[in-house]
Structure formats: C-alpha cells, structure tokens
Amino acid sequence: MRGPAEYAPGQRYTGGAPRSPTPTVQRGPINTWTAENGSGAVVAVDANTGEKKWQFKMTDVTGSGILTTASDVVFTGGREGFFYALDGRNGEMLWKAALGGQVAIGPMTYGIEGRQYVAAAAGHALFVFALRQ
C-alpha cells in the first residue's frame, strides 16, 4: 500500500516519493497507444523555400536526433524502440530494426578501413550497423 512516508525516530526515512510542482501526463503502455493520443514525424523541409518535401509518420514523438549521410540516407529512432533508415530523397523506409529500448540519442556514423558504420544507443545498449558498400 502506498502513502505518505511517515517519520519514525531511529528508522530510515526517505521523505516519500519525489514531488514536482508540474503535473505529469499519464500515458500508459505503448501497446495501447492510439492515434488520438498523438504521434510524431520526421519532416524534410526545403531550406530555401520552407516547402515540405516529405514526411515519415512515427507512432510517437521522439527525443532521438537525426543523421543524414552524403548518400541521402536518414537515420533516426523513436520511443517505441525502432531504429529507422530512410531514403533522404523521398522519406521511404529502407529498413528498421527493433532495438528493445527507447532511442533517445542521435545516431552517429564512422568509418574503419573503408567500411561505414552507423551507431545508435537504445535503452542501456549501443547498437552498430555496417552499411552496404
């Protein structure tokens, strides 16, 4: 049973649960998510005109960054645990991988001996993918 923590002399006292002056939003588990609850998207915009070029809809908003390579591949992730590779010219999904945890940091790329890799952190793990040559 939960309730306020009560002080008892000589006993451990933690002061109860942390309290925030800002109310929190209770959203529930991801497998009960509905369109009415909201969604997110990756949107490509022409920097010169402000015109929207394409949009890739996602289940939820994301805290993940976006990485675009010179070969027009866009990498991003989401709260639902997927890591996406998108075609930078039209926004179509090239592939996705289930990483088992929220992708909350921007992906990075690097090369070793002529091979390009992309890495993303999800949950408490780092995932690295070798790109096609």
N, C-alpha and C. Protein backbone atom coordinates (compact mmCIF):
# COMPACT_ATOMS: atom_id res chain seq x y z
N MET A 1 0.85 -1.17 0.00
CA MET A 1 0.00 0.00 0.00
C MET A 1 0.90 1.24 0.00
N ARG A 2 0.62 2.15 -0.90
CA ARG A 2 1.40 3.37 -0.98
C ARG A 2 0.71 4.48 -0.22
N GLY A 3 1.52 5.35 0.29
CA GLY A 3 1.00 6.51 1.00
C GLY A 3 2.16 7.39 1.40
N PRO A 4 1.90 8.46 2.08
CA PRO A 4 2.98 9.33 2.50
C PRO A 4 3.92 8.58 3.46
N ALA A 5 5.21 8.86 3.32
CA ALA A 5 6.18 8.26 4.24
C ALA A 5 6.04 8.91 5.61
N GLU A 6 6.02 8.10 6.63
CA GLU A 6 5.89 8.63 7.98
C GLU A 6 7.23 8.52 8.70
N TYR A 7 7.57 9.56 9.43
CA TYR A 7 8.82 9.59 10.18
C TYR A 7 8.66 8.80 11.48
N ALA A 8 9.64 7.90 11.74
CA ALA A 8 9.69 7.17 13.00
C ALA A 8 11.12 7.29 13.52
N PRO A 9 11.31 7.85 14.74
CA PRO A 9 12.67 8.03 15.26
C PRO A 9 13.45 6.71 15.25
N GLY A 10 14.70 6.79 14.79
CA GLY A 10 15.58 5.63 14.75
C GLY A 10 15.40 4.75 13.52
N GLN A 11 14.47 5.07 12.66
CA GLN A 11 14.21 4.29 11.45
C GLN A 11 14.63 5.08 10.20
N ARG A 12 14.92 4.35 9.14
CA ARG A 12 15.27 5.00 7.89
C ARG A 12 14.08 5.83 7.41
N TYR A 13 14.38 7.06 6.95
CA TYR A 13 13.33 7.95 6.46
C TYR A 13 13.80 8.55 5.15
N THR A 14 13.08 8.32 4.08
CA THR A 14 13.47 8.84 2.76
C THR A 14 12.67 10.05 2.35
N GLY A 15 11.68 10.41 3.10
CA GLY A 15 10.90 11.60 2.78
C GLY A 15 9.79 11.38 1.79
N GLY A 16 9.56 10.16 1.38
CA GLY A 16 8.48 9.89 0.43
C GLY A 16 8.96 10.02 -1.01
N ALA A 17 8.04 9.91 -1.92
CA ALA A 17 8.34 9.99 -3.35
C ALA A 17 8.65 11.42 -3.75
N PRO A 18 9.50 11.60 -4.77
CA PRO A 18 9.76 12.96 -5.25
C PRO A 18 8.48 13.60 -5.75
N ARG A 19 8.34 14.85 -5.51
CA ARG A 19 7.16 15.59 -5.93
C ARG A 19 7.59 16.72 -6.87
N SER A 20 6.79 16.94 -7.88
CA SER A 20 7.07 18.00 -8.83
C SER A 20 5.92 18.99 -8.80
N PRO A 21 6.22 20.29 -8.89
CA PRO A 21 5.13 21.26 -8.94
C PRO A 21 4.37 21.20 -10.26
N THR A 22 4.98 20.56 -11.28
CA THR A 22 4.34 20.43 -12.59
C THR A 22 3.65 19.08 -12.67
N PRO A 23 2.36 19.06 -13.00
CA PRO A 23 1.68 17.77 -13.09
C PRO A 23 2.23 16.95 -14.26
N THR A 24 2.28 15.63 -14.07
CA THR A 24 2.77 14.76 -15.13
C THR A 24 1.61 14.19 -15.93
N VAL A 25 1.90 13.80 -17.16
CA VAL A 25 0.90 13.20 -18.03
C VAL A 25 1.05 11.70 -17.94
N GLN A 26 -0.02 11.02 -17.59
CA GLN A 26 -0.02 9.56 -17.54
C GLN A 26 -0.47 9.05 -18.89
N ARG A 27 0.45 8.39 -19.64
CA ARG A 27 0.14 7.98 -21.00
C ARG A 27 -0.13 6.50 -21.14
N GLY A 28 0.34 5.69 -20.26
CA GLY A 28 0.08 4.26 -20.36
C GLY A 28 1.09 3.56 -21.24
N PRO A 29 0.99 2.24 -21.33
CA PRO A 29 1.95 1.46 -22.10
C PRO A 29 1.81 1.71 -23.60
N ILE A 30 2.91 1.51 -24.33
CA ILE A 30 2.93 1.79 -25.77
C ILE A 30 1.99 0.88 -26.56
N ASN A 31 1.73 -0.34 -26.07
CA ASN A 31 0.87 -1.24 -26.84
C ASN A 31 -0.60 -0.85 -26.78
N THR A 32 -0.95 0.17 -26.02
CA THR A 32 -2.32 0.68 -26.02
C THR A 32 -2.39 2.07 -26.64
N TRP A 33 -1.33 2.47 -27.31
CA TRP A 33 -1.26 3.80 -27.91
C TRP A 33 -2.28 3.92 -29.04
N THR A 34 -2.95 5.05 -29.14
CA THR A 34 -3.91 5.30 -30.22
C THR A 34 -3.56 6.60 -30.91
N ALA A 35 -4.07 6.78 -32.12
CA ALA A 35 -3.80 8.00 -32.89
C ALA A 35 -4.30 9.24 -32.17
N GLU A 36 -5.37 9.10 -31.39
CA GLU A 36 -5.91 10.25 -30.67
C GLU A 36 -4.93 10.78 -29.61
N ASN A 37 -4.03 9.89 -29.12
CA ASN A 37 -3.06 10.29 -28.11
C ASN A 37 -1.92 11.13 -28.71
N GLY A 38 -1.80 11.14 -30.02
CA GLY A 38 -0.74 11.92 -30.66
C GLY A 38 0.22 11.03 -31.41
N SER A 39 1.06 11.65 -32.20
CA SER A 39 2.06 10.92 -32.97
C SER A 39 3.21 11.86 -33.28
N GLY A 40 4.20 11.35 -33.95
CA GLY A 40 5.35 12.15 -34.33
C GLY A 40 5.66 11.93 -35.80
N ALA A 41 6.64 12.67 -36.30
CA ALA A 41 7.03 12.52 -37.70
C ALA A 41 8.41 13.10 -37.91
N VAL A 42 9.10 12.57 -38.91
CA VAL A 42 10.31 13.19 -39.43
C VAL A 42 9.86 13.93 -40.68
N VAL A 43 10.18 15.21 -40.77
CA VAL A 43 9.73 16.03 -41.88
C VAL A 43 10.94 16.64 -42.57
N ALA A 44 11.00 16.50 -43.89
CA ALA A 44 12.06 17.13 -44.69
C ALA A 44 11.51 18.43 -45.26
N VAL A 45 12.26 19.52 -45.04
CA VAL A 45 11.83 20.84 -45.49
C VAL A 45 12.92 21.44 -46.37
N ASP A 46 12.52 22.03 -47.48
CA ASP A 46 13.47 22.72 -48.35
C ASP A 46 13.93 23.97 -47.62
N ALA A 47 15.23 24.09 -47.37
CA ALA A 47 15.77 25.21 -46.61
C ALA A 47 15.61 26.54 -47.33
N ASN A 48 15.53 26.52 -48.64
CA ASN A 48 15.40 27.78 -49.41
C ASN A 48 13.97 28.30 -49.47
N THR A 49 13.00 27.38 -49.55
CA THR A 49 11.61 27.80 -49.75
C THR A 49 10.72 27.56 -48.54
N GLY A 50 11.14 26.68 -47.63
CA GLY A 50 10.28 26.32 -46.50
C GLY A 50 9.23 25.29 -46.86
N GLU A 51 9.25 24.82 -48.11
CA GLU A 51 8.28 23.84 -48.58
C GLU A 51 8.58 22.46 -47.99
N LYS A 52 7.51 21.78 -47.53
CA LYS A 52 7.66 20.42 -47.02
C LYS A 52 7.86 19.48 -48.21
N LYS A 53 8.96 18.71 -48.17
CA LYS A 53 9.28 17.78 -49.26
C LYS A 53 8.67 16.41 -49.02
N TRP A 54 8.79 15.90 -47.80
CA TRP A 54 8.21 14.61 -47.45
C TRP A 54 8.06 14.51 -45.93
N GLN A 55 7.30 13.51 -45.52
CA GLN A 55 7.05 13.27 -44.09
C GLN A 55 7.01 11.78 -43.85
N PHE A 56 7.70 11.34 -42.79
CA PHE A 56 7.68 9.94 -42.35
C PHE A 56 6.99 9.90 -41.00
N LYS A 57 5.76 9.33 -40.96
CA LYS A 57 4.99 9.30 -39.71
C LYS A 57 5.56 8.27 -38.76
N MET A 58 5.55 8.62 -37.46
CA MET A 58 6.01 7.73 -36.41
C MET A 58 4.89 7.56 -35.39
N THR A 59 4.97 6.48 -34.61
CA THR A 59 3.95 6.20 -33.61
C THR A 59 3.89 7.27 -32.54
N ASP A 60 5.04 7.81 -32.15
CA ASP A 60 5.12 8.72 -31.02
C ASP A 60 6.12 9.82 -31.36
N VAL A 61 6.13 10.86 -30.56
CA VAL A 61 7.17 11.87 -30.69
C VAL A 61 8.50 11.22 -30.32
N THR A 62 9.60 11.86 -30.64
CA THR A 62 10.89 11.25 -30.37
C THR A 62 11.86 12.26 -29.80
N GLY A 63 12.78 11.76 -28.99
CA GLY A 63 13.87 12.57 -28.47
C GLY A 63 15.16 12.28 -29.22
N SER A 64 15.08 11.37 -30.19
CA SER A 64 16.26 10.98 -30.95
C SER A 64 16.64 12.08 -31.93
N GLY A 65 17.91 12.20 -32.18
CA GLY A 65 18.37 13.10 -33.22
C GLY A 65 18.20 12.44 -34.58
N ILE A 66 18.59 13.18 -35.60
CA ILE A 66 18.51 12.69 -36.97
C ILE A 66 19.88 12.83 -37.60
N LEU A 67 20.33 11.80 -38.30
CA LEU A 67 21.61 11.81 -39.00
C LEU A 67 21.33 11.60 -40.48
N THR A 68 21.90 12.48 -41.32
CA THR A 68 21.78 12.33 -42.76
C THR A 68 23.17 12.14 -43.34
N THR A 69 23.33 11.12 -44.18
CA THR A 69 24.63 10.85 -44.78
C THR A 69 24.73 11.51 -46.15
N ALA A 70 25.93 11.56 -46.69
CA ALA A 70 26.16 12.14 -48.01
C ALA A 70 25.47 11.35 -49.10
N SER A 71 25.15 10.08 -48.82
CA SER A 71 24.47 9.24 -49.81
C SER A 71 22.95 9.29 -49.65
N ASP A 72 22.43 10.33 -48.99
CA ASP A 72 20.99 10.55 -48.81
C ASP A 72 20.28 9.45 -48.05
N VAL A 73 20.91 8.96 -46.99
CA VAL A 73 20.24 8.03 -46.07
C VAL A 73 20.06 8.77 -44.76
N VAL A 74 18.84 8.75 -44.23
CA VAL A 74 18.47 9.44 -42.99
C VAL A 74 18.28 8.37 -41.92
N PHE A 75 18.93 8.55 -40.78
CA PHE A 75 18.79 7.62 -39.67
C PHE A 75 18.14 8.34 -38.49
N THR A 76 17.20 7.67 -37.84
CA THR A 76 16.55 8.21 -36.65
C THR A 76 15.95 7.06 -35.86
N GLY A 77 15.46 7.37 -34.68
CA GLY A 77 14.84 6.35 -33.84
C GLY A 77 13.65 6.93 -33.11
N GLY A 78 13.00 6.10 -32.32
CA GLY A 78 11.82 6.55 -31.62
C GLY A 78 11.66 5.94 -30.25
N ARG A 79 10.68 6.43 -29.53
CA ARG A 79 10.37 5.95 -28.19
C ARG A 79 9.93 4.50 -28.19
N GLU A 80 9.34 4.05 -29.30
CA GLU A 80 8.83 2.69 -29.36
C GLU A 80 9.93 1.66 -29.54
N GLY A 81 11.19 2.12 -29.73
CA GLY A 81 12.33 1.20 -29.78
C GLY A 81 12.81 0.83 -31.16
N PHE A 82 12.28 1.44 -32.20
CA PHE A 82 12.74 1.14 -33.55
C PHE A 82 13.80 2.14 -33.98
N PHE A 83 14.76 1.67 -34.77
CA PHE A 83 15.79 2.48 -35.40
C PHE A 83 15.53 2.39 -36.89
N TYR A 84 15.38 3.56 -37.55
CA TYR A 84 14.97 3.61 -38.94
C TYR A 84 16.09 4.11 -39.85
N ALA A 85 16.14 3.55 -41.06
CA ALA A 85 16.93 4.08 -42.16
C ALA A 85 15.92 4.51 -43.23
N LEU A 86 15.95 5.79 -43.59
CA LEU A 86 15.01 6.35 -44.56
C LEU A 86 15.75 6.86 -45.79
N ASP A 87 15.07 6.84 -46.93
CA ASP A 87 15.62 7.42 -48.14
C ASP A 87 15.47 8.94 -48.02
N GLY A 88 16.58 9.66 -48.03
CA GLY A 88 16.56 11.11 -47.85
C GLY A 88 15.91 11.87 -48.99
N ARG A 89 15.70 11.23 -50.13
CA ARG A 89 15.08 11.91 -51.27
C ARG A 89 13.56 11.90 -51.22
N ASN A 90 12.99 10.84 -50.60
CA ASN A 90 11.52 10.74 -50.60
C ASN A 90 10.92 10.32 -49.26
N GLY A 91 11.74 9.99 -48.27
CA GLY A 91 11.25 9.63 -46.95
C GLY A 91 10.79 8.19 -46.80
N GLU A 92 10.95 7.38 -47.82
CA GLU A 92 10.51 5.99 -47.72
C GLU A 92 11.46 5.21 -46.81
N MET A 93 10.89 4.30 -46.02
CA MET A 93 11.69 3.50 -45.12
C MET A 93 12.49 2.46 -45.90
N LEU A 94 13.80 2.44 -45.68
CA LEU A 94 14.67 1.44 -46.31
C LEU A 94 14.72 0.19 -45.45
N TRP A 95 14.85 0.38 -44.14
CA TRP A 95 14.80 -0.72 -43.18
C TRP A 95 14.59 -0.16 -41.78
N LYS A 96 14.20 -1.06 -40.88
CA LYS A 96 14.10 -0.70 -39.47
C LYS A 96 14.55 -1.88 -38.64
N ALA A 97 15.03 -1.57 -37.44
CA ALA A 97 15.48 -2.60 -36.52
C ALA A 97 14.88 -2.33 -35.15
N ALA A 98 14.37 -3.36 -34.50
CA ALA A 98 13.84 -3.24 -33.14
C ALA A 98 15.02 -3.36 -32.17
N LEU A 99 15.28 -2.28 -31.42
CA LEU A 99 16.43 -2.25 -30.53
C LEU A 99 16.07 -2.57 -29.08
N GLY A 100 14.80 -2.71 -28.77
CA GLY A 100 14.39 -3.15 -27.45
C GLY A 100 14.37 -2.08 -26.38
N GLY A 101 14.58 -0.84 -26.75
CA GLY A 101 14.52 0.26 -25.79
C GLY A 101 14.40 1.58 -26.54
N GLN A 102 14.02 2.62 -25.84
CA GLN A 102 13.84 3.94 -26.45
C GLN A 102 15.15 4.44 -27.06
N VAL A 103 15.08 4.89 -28.31
CA VAL A 103 16.22 5.51 -28.97
C VAL A 103 16.13 7.00 -28.64
N ALA A 104 16.96 7.44 -27.72
CA ALA A 104 16.82 8.80 -27.21
C ALA A 104 18.07 9.65 -27.43
N ILE A 105 18.94 9.22 -28.31
CA ILE A 105 20.16 9.97 -28.59
C ILE A 105 20.39 9.91 -30.09
N GLY A 106 21.00 10.94 -30.63
CA GLY A 106 21.24 10.99 -32.06
C GLY A 106 22.21 9.93 -32.51
N PRO A 107 21.93 9.30 -33.66
CA PRO A 107 22.86 8.31 -34.19
C PRO A 107 24.14 8.98 -34.67
N MET A 108 25.19 8.19 -34.80
CA MET A 108 26.46 8.69 -35.32
C MET A 108 27.00 7.72 -36.35
N THR A 109 27.88 8.21 -37.20
CA THR A 109 28.49 7.35 -38.20
C THR A 109 30.00 7.51 -38.15
N TYR A 110 30.69 6.45 -38.56
CA TYR A 110 32.15 6.48 -38.61
C TYR A 110 32.61 5.44 -39.62
N GLY A 111 33.87 5.51 -40.00
CA GLY A 111 34.41 4.56 -40.96
C GLY A 111 35.67 3.89 -40.43
N ILE A 112 35.84 2.63 -40.77
CA ILE A 112 37.05 1.88 -40.43
C ILE A 112 37.46 1.11 -41.68
N GLU A 113 38.66 1.35 -42.14
CA GLU A 113 39.22 0.66 -43.30
C GLU A 113 38.26 0.66 -44.48
N GLY A 114 37.68 1.81 -44.76
CA GLY A 114 36.81 1.97 -45.92
C GLY A 114 35.39 1.49 -45.75
N ARG A 115 35.04 0.96 -44.59
CA ARG A 115 33.67 0.49 -44.33
C ARG A 115 32.97 1.50 -43.43
N GLN A 116 31.72 1.88 -43.78
CA GLN A 116 30.96 2.85 -42.99
C GLN A 116 30.03 2.12 -42.03
N TYR A 117 29.96 2.64 -40.80
CA TYR A 117 29.11 2.10 -39.75
C TYR A 117 28.22 3.21 -39.22
N VAL A 118 27.05 2.83 -38.71
CA VAL A 118 26.17 3.77 -38.02
C VAL A 118 25.86 3.15 -36.66
N ALA A 119 25.91 3.99 -35.61
CA ALA A 119 25.68 3.51 -34.25
C ALA A 119 24.54 4.30 -33.61
N ALA A 120 23.78 3.61 -32.78
CA ALA A 120 22.68 4.24 -32.05
C ALA A 120 22.58 3.60 -30.67
N ALA A 121 22.26 4.41 -29.68
CA ALA A 121 22.05 3.90 -28.32
C ALA A 121 20.56 3.77 -28.07
N ALA A 122 20.17 2.66 -27.45
CA ALA A 122 18.76 2.44 -27.10
C ALA A 122 18.74 1.70 -25.77
N GLY A 123 17.89 2.16 -24.87
CA GLY A 123 17.86 1.55 -23.55
C GLY A 123 19.22 1.72 -22.90
N HIS A 124 19.86 0.62 -22.53
CA HIS A 124 21.18 0.66 -21.91
C HIS A 124 22.23 0.00 -22.80
N ALA A 125 22.01 0.02 -24.12
CA ALA A 125 22.92 -0.68 -25.03
C ALA A 125 23.28 0.20 -26.22
N LEU A 126 24.39 -0.12 -26.85
CA LEU A 126 24.84 0.54 -28.07
C LEU A 126 24.76 -0.47 -29.20
N PHE A 127 24.13 -0.07 -30.31
CA PHE A 127 23.98 -0.94 -31.47
C PHE A 127 24.75 -0.33 -32.63
N VAL A 128 25.48 -1.17 -33.37
CA VAL A 128 26.26 -0.71 -34.51
C VAL A 128 25.87 -1.53 -35.73
N PHE A 129 25.64 -0.83 -36.84
CA PHE A 129 25.26 -1.47 -38.09
C PHE A 129 26.30 -1.14 -39.14
N ALA A 130 26.78 -2.15 -39.88
CA ALA A 130 27.67 -1.94 -41.01
C ALA A 130 26.81 -1.63 -42.23
N LEU A 131 27.13 -0.57 -42.95
CA LEU A 131 26.36 -0.19 -44.12
C LEU A 131 26.89 -0.90 -45.36
N ARG A 132 26.01 -1.10 -46.31
CA ARG A 132 26.42 -1.74 -47.57
C ARG A 132 27.47 -0.88 -48.26
N GLN A 133 28.35 -1.57 -48.97
CA GLN A 133 29.38 -0.83 -49.69
C GLN A 133 28.96 -0.58 -51.11
